[in-house]
Amino acid sequence: MAPLTGEVTRLLVDLSSGRKDAVPQLVALLYDELRRIAKRYLRQERRDHTLQPTALVNEVYLRLVDQPQQNPQNRAHFLGICSHIMWEILIDYARKRKSDKRGGGEQPLPLDESLVPGVMRPEQLLDLDEALKRLETFAPRQGNVVVMRFFVGMSEDEISKVLEVSVRTVKRDWEVARAWLNAEMKK
């Protein structure tokens, strides 16, 4: 499914060896996939969100160019890095939009319900980000599974290859992480 797989691999090697000029070429080759990920993120945002998928991909590009050297292992890992950057961009926007501390007394929704398109409020997005950061401090692999599965839309098989663990481990990590995040979001 990846366009010009050999070219993407060569550019990933170039990027890992410190060649920043590989970033624009990688983004161009993977642009459709990056837009798909951006659309998925933005479907979870409020309907009047000012960012569009193209703008989100452009923001990712700018941050990739400014970041220290990346060492993506493969195409999926690079897309995971880009997805994480998208998440950070949306969190920054949510922080700017937050006006009523902690949602004005509204009850938090469980993780699965709070991430239904059009339902997530900026306060919930910030709460989820904080919970995900706490999870990543003591269970980084589980945090990666959440990001790759939920936000990037990767399959369990793809995640297992990127993380170099079994599909069964990915399934277990997802279930444990989701339960823990649901509990955190209810607090």
Protein backbone atom coordinates (compact mmCIF):
# COMPACT_ATOMS: atom_id res chain seq x y z
CA MET A 1 0.00 0.00 0.00
CA ALA A 2 2.92 2.36 0.60
CA PRO A 3 3.87 4.38 -2.47
CA LEU A 4 7.35 3.71 -3.79
CA THR A 5 8.30 1.53 -0.84
CA GLY A 6 11.97 1.44 -1.81
CA GLU A 7 12.10 5.23 -2.02
CA VAL A 8 10.46 5.59 1.40
CA THR A 9 12.97 3.15 2.87
CA ARG A 10 15.90 5.04 1.34
CA LEU A 11 14.58 8.35 2.68
CA LEU A 12 14.08 6.86 6.16
CA VAL A 13 17.71 5.71 6.14
CA ASP A 14 18.77 9.20 5.01
CA LEU A 15 16.72 10.80 7.79
CA SER A 16 18.18 8.45 10.40
CA SER A 17 21.67 9.40 9.27
CA GLY A 18 20.91 13.08 9.86
CA ARG A 19 19.87 14.29 6.42
CA LYS A 20 17.06 16.76 7.16
CA ASP A 21 16.48 17.26 3.43
CA ALA A 22 14.79 13.83 3.47
CA VAL A 23 11.84 15.25 5.48
CA PRO A 24 10.15 17.15 2.62
CA GLN A 25 10.50 14.18 0.29
CA LEU A 26 9.11 11.77 2.91
CA VAL A 27 6.17 14.04 3.66
CA ALA A 28 5.46 14.35 -0.07
CA LEU A 29 5.54 10.57 -0.60
CA LEU A 30 3.40 9.85 2.47
CA TYR A 31 1.16 12.89 2.15
CA ASP A 32 -2.06 10.92 1.52
CA GLU A 33 -1.46 8.74 4.56
CA LEU A 34 -0.63 11.78 6.71
CA ARG A 35 -3.85 13.49 5.59
CA ARG A 36 -5.80 10.33 6.45
CA ILE A 37 -4.34 10.39 9.97
CA ALA A 38 -5.05 14.13 10.26
CA LYS A 39 -8.66 13.58 9.18
CA ARG A 40 -9.02 10.86 11.80
CA TYR A 41 -7.76 13.19 14.51
CA LEU A 42 -9.95 16.07 13.40
CA ARG A 43 -13.08 13.86 13.32
CA GLN A 44 -12.60 13.59 17.09
CA GLU A 45 -12.47 17.36 17.51
CA ARG A 46 -15.30 19.84 17.83
CA ARG A 47 -17.08 20.58 14.58
CA ASP A 48 -15.96 24.22 14.45
CA HIS A 49 -12.26 23.42 14.81
CA THR A 50 -10.15 25.94 12.90
CA LEU A 51 -7.51 23.45 11.75
CA GLN A 52 -8.06 21.52 8.53
CA PRO A 53 -6.23 18.27 7.64
CA THR A 54 -3.90 20.03 5.20
CA ALA A 55 -2.95 22.64 7.81
CA LEU A 56 -2.33 19.92 10.39
CA VAL A 57 -0.01 18.06 8.00
CA ASN A 58 1.79 21.33 7.26
CA GLU A 59 2.27 21.95 11.00
CA VAL A 60 3.71 18.43 11.34
CA TYR A 61 6.14 19.15 8.52
CA LEU A 62 7.33 22.35 10.21
CA ARG A 63 7.87 20.58 13.52
CA LEU A 64 9.68 17.67 11.87
CA VAL A 65 12.13 20.08 10.26
CA ASP A 66 12.75 21.84 13.60
CA GLN A 67 13.08 18.70 15.74
CA PRO A 68 16.34 17.01 16.60
CA GLN A 69 17.34 14.02 14.52
CA GLN A 70 14.66 11.36 14.20
CA ASN A 71 15.50 7.67 13.85
CA PRO A 72 12.38 6.07 12.40
CA GLN A 73 12.77 2.33 12.02
CA ASN A 74 10.24 1.99 9.21
CA ARG A 75 7.31 3.65 7.48
CA ALA A 76 4.87 2.81 10.28
CA HIS A 77 7.25 4.20 12.90
CA PHE A 78 7.63 7.45 10.92
CA LEU A 79 3.85 7.76 10.67
CA GLY A 80 3.67 7.13 14.42
CA ILE A 81 6.11 10.00 15.02
CA CYS A 82 4.01 12.25 12.79
CA SER A 83 0.84 11.16 14.59
CA HIS A 84 2.37 12.02 17.95
CA ILE A 85 3.27 15.47 16.62
CA MET A 86 -0.34 15.92 15.44
CA TRP A 87 -1.52 15.02 18.92
CA GLU A 88 0.81 17.64 20.43
CA ILE A 89 -0.47 20.28 17.99
CA LEU A 90 -4.09 19.55 18.89
CA ILE A 91 -3.25 19.66 22.60
CA ASP A 92 -1.64 23.07 22.09
CA TYR A 93 -4.81 24.28 20.34
CA ALA A 94 -7.00 22.85 23.12
CA ARG A 95 -4.95 24.65 25.77
CA LYS A 96 -5.44 27.91 23.90
CA ARG A 97 -9.20 27.35 23.60
CA LYS A 98 -9.75 26.25 27.16
CA SER A 99 -11.65 28.97 28.94
CA ASP A 100 -13.66 27.26 31.65
CA LYS A 101 -11.39 25.30 33.97
CA ARG A 102 -12.19 21.58 34.01
CA GLY A 103 -15.35 21.85 31.92
CA GLY A 104 -17.48 23.90 34.29
CA GLY A 105 -18.46 20.94 36.47
CA GLU A 106 -19.45 18.62 33.63
CA GLN A 107 -18.90 14.93 34.30
CA PRO A 108 -16.07 13.30 32.34
CA LEU A 109 -17.04 10.64 29.82
CA PRO A 110 -15.37 7.23 29.72
CA LEU A 111 -12.52 6.98 27.21
CA ASP A 112 -14.49 5.12 24.55
CA GLU A 113 -17.44 7.53 24.72
CA SER A 114 -15.38 10.69 25.08
CA LEU A 115 -13.59 10.01 21.82
CA VAL A 116 -16.70 9.72 19.70
CA PRO A 117 -16.48 12.21 16.82
CA GLY A 118 -17.88 15.61 17.72
CA VAL A 119 -18.17 14.82 21.44
CA MET A 120 -14.71 15.58 22.83
CA ARG A 121 -14.37 19.00 24.47
CA PRO A 122 -11.00 20.76 24.89
CA GLU A 123 -11.05 19.98 28.61
CA GLN A 124 -11.47 16.27 27.90
CA LEU A 125 -8.68 16.37 25.34
CA LEU A 126 -6.37 17.93 27.92
CA ASP A 127 -7.43 15.39 30.56
CA LEU A 128 -6.78 12.54 28.12
CA ASP A 129 -3.38 13.99 27.26
CA GLU A 130 -2.44 14.20 30.95
CA ALA A 131 -3.61 10.63 31.56
CA LEU A 132 -1.74 9.36 28.49
CA LYS A 133 1.45 11.08 29.68
CA ARG A 134 1.09 9.45 33.11
CA LEU A 135 0.57 6.06 31.44
CA GLU A 136 3.67 6.57 29.28
CA THR A 137 5.82 7.26 32.37
CA PHE A 138 5.29 3.79 33.83
CA ALA A 139 4.13 1.83 30.77
CA PRO A 140 5.66 3.40 27.64
CA ARG A 141 4.82 0.47 25.37
CA GLN A 142 1.15 0.61 26.38
CA GLY A 143 1.14 4.34 25.69
CA ASN A 144 2.61 3.67 22.24
CA VAL A 145 -0.04 1.03 21.57
CA VAL A 146 -2.80 3.53 22.41
CA VAL A 147 -1.34 6.18 20.12
CA MET A 148 -0.70 3.76 17.25
CA ARG A 149 -4.01 1.94 17.48
CA PHE A 150 -6.43 4.69 18.34
CA PHE A 151 -4.90 7.77 16.80
CA VAL A 152 -2.88 6.44 13.88
CA GLY A 153 -5.36 3.68 13.08
CA MET A 154 -2.73 0.96 12.80
CA SER A 155 -3.75 -2.68 12.98
CA GLU A 156 -2.57 -4.92 15.79
CA ASP A 157 -0.33 -6.71 13.31
CA GLU A 158 1.31 -3.44 12.21
CA ILE A 159 1.82 -2.37 15.82
CA SER A 160 3.39 -5.72 16.70
CA LYS A 161 5.91 -5.30 13.90
CA VAL A 162 6.82 -1.74 14.89
CA LEU A 163 7.17 -2.62 18.59
CA GLU A 164 8.68 -6.04 17.86
CA VAL A 165 6.26 -7.87 20.15
CA SER A 166 3.56 -10.48 19.50
CA VAL A 167 0.05 -9.56 18.40
CA ARG A 168 -1.18 -11.11 21.65
CA THR A 169 1.02 -8.69 23.62
CA VAL A 170 -0.40 -5.76 21.64
CA LYS A 171 -3.97 -6.92 22.40
CA ARG A 172 -3.16 -7.29 26.10
CA ASP A 173 -1.43 -3.88 26.21
CA TRP A 174 -4.43 -2.26 24.51
CA GLU A 175 -6.93 -3.77 26.95
CA VAL A 176 -4.87 -2.85 30.03
CA ALA A 177 -4.13 0.67 28.77
CA ARG A 178 -7.74 1.32 27.81
CA ALA A 179 -9.00 0.16 31.21
CA TRP A 180 -6.43 2.28 33.02
CA LEU A 181 -7.21 5.37 30.91
CA ASN A 182 -10.95 4.92 31.45
CA ALA A 183 -10.37 4.83 35.20
CA GLU A 184 -8.18 7.93 35.01
CA MET A 185 -10.72 9.82 32.93
CA LYS A 186 -13.45 9.11 35.52
CA LYS A 187 -11.41 10.70 38.33
